[in-house]
Amino acid sequence: MKSLDHKVAVITGGNSGIGYAAAKALKEKSASVIITGRRKEALEKAAAELGVTGLIADQSKLSDIDQLVIDITRKFGKVDILLINAGITKFGPIEQMKEDIFDEIMNVNFKGAYFTLSKFIPILNEGASVILLSSTSATISPANASVYAASKAAVNAVVKIAALELAPRNIRVNAVSPGPIATEIMDKIGLNDQLEHQLIDSIPLSRLGKPDEVADLITFLSGSNSSFITGSNFLVDGGQSV
């Protein structure tokens, strides 16, 4: 794959998991990488480990997104690669879903993603690549994931429309939809040995994915080798959604 030298890449939620792996992969391809996060200590630690720039931002707050655009424009100018990755995962049956949990998931996963895209469009370079992190939950419709799945299905709809709207500027917009990936989020949602075995049994390749495997696809979509790909949604799930 060609180098991404002189390319400016912004990754929201880049201090852990897939975002962290993507930042590492893009940095290795010589891109200038900026990661964002809500937790100051975690962000500073990740930025130092990766050798990238870290900027505090809560993607659910439009004021933070506005400030992020100002800061990046001032320090880096235009953006070539935008990975909208920040998101949260919370589950519960529809009957018991609380309004505050609904709002929290939608504010980060959909509203935050939508307005991050919206507010970054003016500073995207001609020929830029935008990648939104979605989820196979929008495809396989797992029980207890109604709000999370709906937030990602909404993202998938926006990807297609954004691809059409930005095509005149040769800006490509795609989604990457991971299935079960071995990241710290699995611990946060309470994945124990029994649940892990059940999850693995649902995956034809019989294992969890690795963050690096998702990052490799993101890196491909970031560069010129994927210059004829836009409006697509790529499933990285070991065949779980087949």
C-alpha atoms as a PDB file:
ATOM      1  CA  MET A   1       0.000   0.000   0.000  1.00  0.00           C
ATOM      2  CA  LYS A   2       1.163   3.529  -0.772  1.00  0.00           C
ATOM      3  CA  SER A   3       2.408   5.835   1.965  1.00  0.00           C
ATOM      4  CA  LEU A   4       0.047   8.356   3.544  1.00  0.00           C
ATOM      5  CA  ASP A   5       2.849  10.875   3.937  1.00  0.00           C
ATOM      6  CA  HIS A   6       1.603  14.495   4.169  1.00  0.00           C
ATOM      7  CA  LYS A   7      -1.954  13.269   4.877  1.00  0.00           C
ATOM      8  CA  VAL A   8      -3.753  14.594   7.960  1.00  0.00           C
ATOM      9  CA  ALA A   9      -5.914  11.987   9.714  1.00  0.00           C
ATOM     10  CA  VAL A  10      -8.443  12.690  12.476  1.00  0.00           C
ATOM     11  CA  ILE A  11      -9.785   9.815  14.589  1.00  0.00           C
ATOM     12  CA  THR A  12     -12.536  10.457  17.116  1.00  0.00           C
ATOM     13  CA  GLY A  13     -12.429   8.171  20.133  1.00  0.00           C
ATOM     14  CA  GLY A  14      -8.880   7.201  19.265  1.00  0.00           C
ATOM     15  CA  ASN A  15      -7.510   6.503  22.731  1.00  0.00           C
ATOM     16  CA  SER A  16      -8.577   2.831  22.885  1.00  0.00           C
ATOM     17  CA  GLY A  17      -9.798  -0.195  20.954  1.00  0.00           C
ATOM     18  CA  ILE A  18     -10.299   0.050  17.203  1.00  0.00           C
ATOM     19  CA  GLY A  19      -9.617   3.800  17.191  1.00  0.00           C
ATOM     20  CA  TYR A  20      -6.244   3.250  18.854  1.00  0.00           C
ATOM     21  CA  ALA A  21      -5.352   0.441  16.423  1.00  0.00           C
ATOM     22  CA  ALA A  22      -6.343   2.623  13.468  1.00  0.00           C
ATOM     23  CA  ALA A  23      -4.244   5.523  14.754  1.00  0.00           C
ATOM     24  CA  LYS A  24      -1.250   3.199  15.065  1.00  0.00           C
ATOM     25  CA  ALA A  25      -1.756   1.811  11.548  1.00  0.00           C
ATOM     26  CA  LEU A  26      -2.168   5.240   9.938  1.00  0.00           C
ATOM     27  CA  LYS A  27       0.866   6.593  11.810  1.00  0.00           C
ATOM     28  CA  GLU A  28       2.899   3.665  10.469  1.00  0.00           C
ATOM     29  CA  LYS A  29       1.876   4.768   6.969  1.00  0.00           C
ATOM     30  CA  SER A  30       3.366   8.212   7.747  1.00  0.00           C
ATOM     31  CA  ALA A  31       0.090  10.108   8.202  1.00  0.00           C
ATOM     32  CA  SER A  32      -0.091  12.999  10.669  1.00  0.00           C
ATOM     33  CA  VAL A  33      -2.610  11.631  13.162  1.00  0.00           C
ATOM     34  CA  ILE A  34      -4.880  13.461  15.609  1.00  0.00           C
ATOM     35  CA  ILE A  35      -6.923  11.434  18.082  1.00  0.00           C
ATOM     36  CA  THR A  36      -9.748  12.677  20.288  1.00  0.00           C
ATOM     37  CA  GLY A  37     -11.267  11.408  23.507  1.00  0.00           C
ATOM     38  CA  ARG A  38     -13.329  12.472  26.496  1.00  0.00           C
ATOM     39  CA  ARG A  39     -10.989  11.180  29.220  1.00  0.00           C
ATOM     40  CA  LYS A  40      -7.967  13.443  29.590  1.00  0.00           C
ATOM     41  CA  GLU A  41      -5.600  10.948  31.228  1.00  0.00           C
ATOM     42  CA  ALA A  42      -6.461   8.105  28.842  1.00  0.00           C
ATOM     43  CA  LEU A  43      -6.123  10.409  25.837  1.00  0.00           C
ATOM     44  CA  GLU A  44      -2.757  11.805  26.913  1.00  0.00           C
ATOM     45  CA  LYS A  45      -1.439   8.303  27.623  1.00  0.00           C
ATOM     46  CA  ALA A  46      -2.557   6.991  24.223  1.00  0.00           C
ATOM     47  CA  ALA A  47      -1.222  10.013  22.362  1.00  0.00           C
ATOM     48  CA  ALA A  48       2.166   9.628  24.047  1.00  0.00           C
ATOM     49  CA  GLU A  49       2.336   5.900  23.292  1.00  0.00           C
ATOM     50  CA  LEU A  50       1.397   6.418  19.660  1.00  0.00           C
ATOM     51  CA  GLY A  51       3.410   9.583  19.066  1.00  0.00           C
ATOM     52  CA  VAL A  52       0.352  11.448  17.784  1.00  0.00           C
ATOM     53  CA  THR A  53      -1.575  14.582  18.720  1.00  0.00           C
ATOM     54  CA  GLY A  54      -4.364  14.225  21.287  1.00  0.00           C
ATOM     55  CA  LEU A  55      -7.259  16.692  21.600  1.00  0.00           C
ATOM     56  CA  ILE A  56      -9.947  16.521  24.274  1.00  0.00           C
ATOM     57  CA  ALA A  57     -13.457  16.401  22.810  1.00  0.00           C
ATOM     58  CA  ASP A  58     -16.808  14.903  23.710  1.00  0.00           C
ATOM     59  CA  GLN A  59     -18.368  14.026  20.372  1.00  0.00           C
ATOM     60  CA  SER A  60     -21.876  14.203  21.843  1.00  0.00           C
ATOM     61  CA  LYS A  61     -21.431  17.956  22.423  1.00  0.00           C
ATOM     62  CA  LEU A  62     -21.680  20.191  19.363  1.00  0.00           C
ATOM     63  CA  SER A  63     -19.627  22.892  21.100  1.00  0.00           C
ATOM     64  CA  ASP A  64     -16.760  20.413  21.481  1.00  0.00           C
ATOM     65  CA  ILE A  65     -16.989  19.472  17.804  1.00  0.00           C
ATOM     66  CA  ASP A  66     -16.921  23.154  16.825  1.00  0.00           C
ATOM     67  CA  GLN A  67     -13.817  23.733  18.948  1.00  0.00           C
ATOM     68  CA  LEU A  68     -12.175  20.614  17.533  1.00  0.00           C
ATOM     69  CA  VAL A  69     -12.639  21.906  13.990  1.00  0.00           C
ATOM     70  CA  ILE A  70     -11.168  25.281  15.002  1.00  0.00           C
ATOM     71  CA  ASP A  71      -8.147  23.692  16.704  1.00  0.00           C
ATOM     72  CA  ILE A  72      -7.400  21.295  13.839  1.00  0.00           C
ATOM     73  CA  THR A  73      -7.799  24.010  11.211  1.00  0.00           C
ATOM     74  CA  ARG A  74      -5.428  26.264  13.134  1.00  0.00           C
ATOM     75  CA  LYS A  75      -2.755  23.599  13.665  1.00  0.00           C
ATOM     76  CA  PHE A  76      -3.078  21.378  10.601  1.00  0.00           C
ATOM     77  CA  GLY A  77      -5.211  23.118   7.983  1.00  0.00           C
ATOM     78  CA  LYS A  78      -7.290  20.728   5.894  1.00  0.00           C
ATOM     79  CA  VAL A  79      -8.083  17.089   6.719  1.00  0.00           C
ATOM     80  CA  ASP A  80      -7.498  14.146   4.358  1.00  0.00           C
ATOM     81  CA  ILE A  81      -8.772  11.232   6.467  1.00  0.00           C
ATOM     82  CA  LEU A  82     -11.656  11.411   8.931  1.00  0.00           C
ATOM     83  CA  LEU A  83     -12.480   8.324  10.995  1.00  0.00           C
ATOM     84  CA  ILE A  84     -15.657   8.902  13.001  1.00  0.00           C
ATOM     85  CA  ASN A  85     -15.146   6.185  15.555  1.00  0.00           C
ATOM     86  CA  ALA A  86     -16.317   7.510  18.934  1.00  0.00           C
ATOM     87  CA  GLY A  87     -19.226   5.498  20.250  1.00  0.00           C
ATOM     88  CA  ILE A  88     -20.740   3.734  23.234  1.00  0.00           C
ATOM     89  CA  THR A  89     -22.368   0.337  23.667  1.00  0.00           C
ATOM     90  CA  LYS A  90     -25.215  -0.258  26.100  1.00  0.00           C
ATOM     91  CA  PHE A  91     -27.855  -2.961  25.998  1.00  0.00           C
ATOM     92  CA  GLY A  92     -31.308  -3.565  27.441  1.00  0.00           C
ATOM     93  CA  PRO A  93     -34.724  -4.879  26.406  1.00  0.00           C
ATOM     94  CA  ILE A  94     -37.070  -2.417  24.705  1.00  0.00           C
ATOM     95  CA  GLU A  95     -39.618  -2.768  27.500  1.00  0.00           C
ATOM     96  CA  GLN A  96     -37.111  -1.603  30.110  1.00  0.00           C
ATOM     97  CA  MET A  97     -35.208   1.027  28.111  1.00  0.00           C
ATOM     98  CA  LYS A  98     -34.795   4.308  29.987  1.00  0.00           C
ATOM     99  CA  GLU A  99     -34.976   7.641  28.210  1.00  0.00           C
ATOM    100  CA  ASP A 100     -31.617   8.800  29.556  1.00  0.00           C
ATOM    101  CA  ILE A 101     -29.871   5.676  28.216  1.00  0.00           C
ATOM    102  CA  PHE A 102     -31.645   6.090  24.867  1.00  0.00           C
ATOM    103  CA  ASP A 103     -30.507   9.715  24.665  1.00  0.00           C
ATOM    104  CA  GLU A 104     -26.947   8.890  25.732  1.00  0.00           C
ATOM    105  CA  ILE A 105     -26.519   6.239  23.029  1.00  0.00           C
ATOM    106  CA  MET A 106     -28.120   8.332  20.292  1.00  0.00           C
ATOM    107  CA  ASN A 107     -26.281  11.525  21.280  1.00  0.00           C
ATOM    108  CA  VAL A 108     -22.886   9.864  20.911  1.00  0.00           C
ATOM    109  CA  ASN A 109     -23.421   7.218  18.233  1.00  0.00           C
ATOM    110  CA  PHE A 110     -25.733   9.066  15.864  1.00  0.00           C
ATOM    111  CA  LYS A 111     -26.031  12.762  16.679  1.00  0.00           C
ATOM    112  CA  GLY A 112     -22.328  13.002  17.493  1.00  0.00           C
ATOM    113  CA  ALA A 113     -21.295  11.121  14.355  1.00  0.00           C
ATOM    114  CA  TYR A 114     -23.696  13.125  12.188  1.00  0.00           C
ATOM    115  CA  PHE A 115     -22.513  16.527  13.346  1.00  0.00           C
ATOM    116  CA  THR A 116     -18.856  15.534  13.380  1.00  0.00           C
ATOM    117  CA  LEU A 117     -19.265  14.742   9.688  1.00  0.00           C
ATOM    118  CA  SER A 118     -21.311  17.887   9.070  1.00  0.00           C
ATOM    119  CA  LYS A 119     -18.890  20.270  10.743  1.00  0.00           C
ATOM    120  CA  PHE A 120     -15.751  18.690   9.247  1.00  0.00           C
ATOM    121  CA  ILE A 121     -17.000  18.805   5.635  1.00  0.00           C
ATOM    122  CA  PRO A 122     -15.787  22.397   5.047  1.00  0.00           C
ATOM    123  CA  ILE A 123     -12.211  21.472   6.049  1.00  0.00           C
ATOM    124  CA  LEU A 124     -11.996  18.206   4.120  1.00  0.00           C
ATOM    125  CA  ASN A 125      -9.528  18.256   1.256  1.00  0.00           C
ATOM    126  CA  GLU A 126     -10.566  17.397  -2.277  1.00  0.00           C
ATOM    127  CA  GLY A 127     -10.284  13.608  -2.535  1.00  0.00           C
ATOM    128  CA  ALA A 128     -10.511  13.048   1.221  1.00  0.00           C
ATOM    129  CA  SER A 129     -11.679   9.753   2.727  1.00  0.00           C
ATOM    130  CA  VAL A 130     -14.353   9.656   5.435  1.00  0.00           C
ATOM    131  CA  ILE A 131     -14.952   6.429   7.340  1.00  0.00           C
ATOM    132  CA  LEU A 132     -17.708   5.969   9.897  1.00  0.00           C
ATOM    133  CA  LEU A 133     -17.493   3.107  12.339  1.00  0.00           C
ATOM    134  CA  SER A 134     -20.798   1.258  12.302  1.00  0.00           C
ATOM    135  CA  SER A 135     -21.574  -2.233  13.604  1.00  0.00           C
ATOM    136  CA  THR A 136     -22.915  -5.560  12.428  1.00  0.00           C
ATOM    137  CA  SER A 137     -25.624  -5.025  15.065  1.00  0.00           C
ATOM    138  CA  ALA A 138     -27.393  -2.932  12.421  1.00  0.00           C
ATOM    139  CA  THR A 139     -27.417  -6.031  10.187  1.00  0.00           C
ATOM    140  CA  ILE A 140     -28.053  -9.000  12.481  1.00  0.00           C
ATOM    141  CA  SER A 141     -30.464  -7.270  14.919  1.00  0.00           C
ATOM    142  CA  PRO A 142     -29.370  -8.834  18.224  1.00  0.00           C
ATOM    143  CA  ALA A 143     -31.834  -8.964  21.116  1.00  0.00           C
ATOM    144  CA  ASN A 144     -31.399  -6.242  23.761  1.00  0.00           C
ATOM    145  CA  ALA A 145     -29.485  -4.009  21.328  1.00  0.00           C
ATOM    146  CA  SER A 146     -32.430  -2.069  19.899  1.00  0.00           C
ATOM    147  CA  VAL A 147     -31.137   1.450  20.547  1.00  0.00           C
ATOM    148  CA  TYR A 148     -27.505   0.639  19.753  1.00  0.00           C
ATOM    149  CA  ALA A 149     -28.490  -1.143  16.527  1.00  0.00           C
ATOM    150  CA  ALA A 150     -30.808   1.717  15.559  1.00  0.00           C
ATOM    151  CA  SER A 151     -28.025   4.259  16.099  1.00  0.00           C
ATOM    152  CA  LYS A 152     -25.732   2.315  13.774  1.00  0.00           C
ATOM    153  CA  ALA A 153     -28.471   1.743  11.174  1.00  0.00           C
ATOM    154  CA  ALA A 154     -28.941   5.514  11.129  1.00  0.00           C
ATOM    155  CA  VAL A 155     -25.207   5.960  10.556  1.00  0.00           C
ATOM    156  CA  ASN A 156     -25.375   3.534   7.615  1.00  0.00           C
ATOM    157  CA  ALA A 157     -28.145   5.598   6.019  1.00  0.00           C
ATOM    158  CA  VAL A 158     -26.146   8.806   6.366  1.00  0.00           C
ATOM    159  CA  VAL A 159     -23.063   7.182   4.816  1.00  0.00           C
ATOM    160  CA  LYS A 160     -24.902   6.555   1.548  1.00  0.00           C
ATOM    161  CA  ILE A 161     -26.347  10.062   1.344  1.00  0.00           C
ATOM    162  CA  ALA A 162     -23.050  11.699   2.289  1.00  0.00           C
ATOM    163  CA  ALA A 163     -21.312   9.664  -0.411  1.00  0.00           C
ATOM    164  CA  LEU A 164     -23.681  11.162  -2.989  1.00  0.00           C
ATOM    165  CA  GLU A 165     -23.449  14.710  -1.646  1.00  0.00           C
ATOM    166  CA  LEU A 166     -19.646  14.736  -1.447  1.00  0.00           C
ATOM    167  CA  ALA A 167     -18.904  12.887  -4.685  1.00  0.00           C
ATOM    168  CA  PRO A 168     -18.560  16.163  -6.681  1.00  0.00           C
ATOM    169  CA  ARG A 169     -15.539  16.965  -4.483  1.00  0.00           C
ATOM    170  CA  ASN A 170     -14.205  13.427  -4.993  1.00  0.00           C
ATOM    171  CA  ILE A 171     -14.625  12.781  -1.263  1.00  0.00           C
ATOM    172  CA  ARG A 172     -15.380   9.159  -0.482  1.00  0.00           C
ATOM    173  CA  VAL A 173     -17.593   8.116   2.439  1.00  0.00           C
ATOM    174  CA  ASN A 174     -17.745   4.522   3.654  1.00  0.00           C
ATOM    175  CA  ALA A 175     -18.740   2.550   6.745  1.00  0.00           C
ATOM    176  CA  VAL A 176     -16.844  -0.214   8.505  1.00  0.00           C
ATOM    177  CA  SER A 177     -19.012  -2.563  10.576  1.00  0.00           C
ATOM    178  CA  PRO A 178     -17.087  -4.734  13.029  1.00  0.00           C
ATOM    179  CA  GLY A 179     -18.634  -7.768  14.634  1.00  0.00           C
ATOM    180  CA  PRO A 180     -17.312  -9.065  17.981  1.00  0.00           C
ATOM    181  CA  ILE A 181     -13.805  -7.640  18.383  1.00  0.00           C
ATOM    182  CA  ALA A 182     -11.519  -8.398  21.328  1.00  0.00           C
ATOM    183  CA  THR A 183     -11.303  -4.948  22.922  1.00  0.00           C
ATOM    184  CA  GLU A 184     -11.847  -3.602  26.433  1.00  0.00           C
ATOM    185  CA  ILE A 185     -15.460  -2.843  25.526  1.00  0.00           C
ATOM    186  CA  MET A 186     -16.156  -6.561  25.860  1.00  0.00           C
ATOM    187  CA  ASP A 187     -15.272  -6.339  29.549  1.00  0.00           C
ATOM    188  CA  LYS A 188     -17.483  -3.265  29.963  1.00  0.00           C
ATOM    189  CA  ILE A 189     -20.548  -5.094  28.667  1.00  0.00           C
ATOM    190  CA  GLY A 190     -19.896  -8.005  31.027  1.00  0.00           C
ATOM    191  CA  LEU A 191     -18.513 -10.675  28.696  1.00  0.00           C
ATOM    192  CA  ASN A 192     -17.663 -13.736  30.819  1.00  0.00           C
ATOM    193  CA  ASP A 193     -16.285 -17.108  29.698  1.00  0.00           C
ATOM    194  CA  GLN A 194     -19.722 -18.614  29.130  1.00  0.00           C
ATOM    195  CA  LEU A 195     -20.971 -15.679  27.077  1.00  0.00           C
ATOM    196  CA  GLU A 196     -17.712 -15.594  25.138  1.00  0.00           C
ATOM    197  CA  HIS A 197     -18.103 -19.256  24.156  1.00  0.00           C
ATOM    198  CA  GLN A 198     -21.693 -18.595  23.060  1.00  0.00           C
ATOM    199  CA  LEU A 199     -20.551 -15.611  21.043  1.00  0.00           C
ATOM    200  CA  ILE A 200     -17.736 -17.540  19.376  1.00  0.00           C
ATOM    201  CA  ASP A 201     -20.168 -20.332  18.499  1.00  0.00           C
ATOM    202  CA  SER A 202     -22.155 -17.757  16.473  1.00  0.00           C
ATOM    203  CA  ILE A 203     -19.090 -16.862  14.364  1.00  0.00           C
ATOM    204  CA  PRO A 204     -18.220 -19.187  11.455  1.00  0.00           C
ATOM    205  CA  LEU A 205     -14.494 -18.457  11.853  1.00  0.00           C
ATOM    206  CA  SER A 206     -14.816 -19.473  15.526  1.00  0.00           C
ATOM    207  CA  ARG A 207     -12.969 -16.595  17.163  1.00  0.00           C
ATOM    208  CA  LEU A 208     -13.225 -12.947  18.091  1.00  0.00           C
ATOM    209  CA  GLY A 209     -11.745 -10.423  15.712  1.00  0.00           C
ATOM    210  CA  LYS A 210      -8.679  -8.334  16.477  1.00  0.00           C
ATOM    211  CA  PRO A 211      -8.572  -4.514  16.456  1.00  0.00           C
ATOM    212  CA  ASP A 212      -5.669  -4.653  13.997  1.00  0.00           C
ATOM    213  CA  GLU A 213      -7.820  -6.538  11.491  1.00  0.00           C
ATOM    214  CA  VAL A 214     -10.359  -3.720  11.484  1.00  0.00           C
ATOM    215  CA  ALA A 215      -7.582  -1.125  11.389  1.00  0.00           C
ATOM    216  CA  ASP A 216      -6.100  -2.746   8.269  1.00  0.00           C
ATOM    217  CA  LEU A 217      -9.401  -2.248   6.415  1.00  0.00           C
ATOM    218  CA  ILE A 218      -9.660   1.339   7.662  1.00  0.00           C
ATOM    219  CA  THR A 219      -6.130   1.995   6.421  1.00  0.00           C
ATOM    220  CA  PHE A 220      -6.999   0.584   3.005  1.00  0.00           C
ATOM    221  CA  LEU A 221     -10.095   2.785   2.759  1.00  0.00           C
ATOM    222  CA  SER A 222      -8.012   5.802   3.796  1.00  0.00           C
ATOM    223  CA  GLY A 223      -5.644   5.641   0.852  1.00  0.00           C
ATOM    224  CA  SER A 224      -5.694   5.969  -2.915  1.00  0.00           C
ATOM    225  CA  ASN A 225      -5.868   2.194  -3.445  1.00  0.00           C
ATOM    226  CA  SER A 226      -9.581   2.459  -2.623  1.00  0.00           C
ATOM    227  CA  SER A 227     -10.227   5.533  -4.759  1.00  0.00           C
ATOM    228  CA  PHE A 228     -13.214   3.936  -6.577  1.00  0.00           C
ATOM    229  CA  ILE A 229     -15.025   2.852  -3.412  1.00  0.00           C
ATOM    230  CA  THR A 230     -17.705   5.028  -1.831  1.00  0.00           C
ATOM    231  CA  GLY A 231     -21.100   4.582  -0.185  1.00  0.00           C
ATOM    232  CA  SER A 232     -20.190   1.065   0.932  1.00  0.00           C
ATOM    233  CA  ASN A 233     -20.508  -0.765   4.241  1.00  0.00           C
ATOM    234  CA  PHE A 234     -17.825  -3.337   5.015  1.00  0.00           C
ATOM    235  CA  LEU A 235     -18.605  -6.120   7.505  1.00  0.00           C
ATOM    236  CA  VAL A 236     -15.667  -7.382   9.569  1.00  0.00           C
ATOM    237  CA  ASP A 237     -17.311 -10.122  11.601  1.00  0.00           C
ATOM    238  CA  GLY A 238     -15.851 -13.532  10.800  1.00  0.00           C
ATOM    239  CA  GLY A 239     -19.030 -14.403   8.897  1.00  0.00           C
ATOM    240  CA  GLN A 240     -21.390 -13.835  11.844  1.00  0.00           C
ATOM    241  CA  SER A 241     -23.888 -11.888   9.742  1.00  0.00           C
ATOM    242  CA  VAL A 242     -23.986 -14.433   6.896  1.00  0.00           C
END
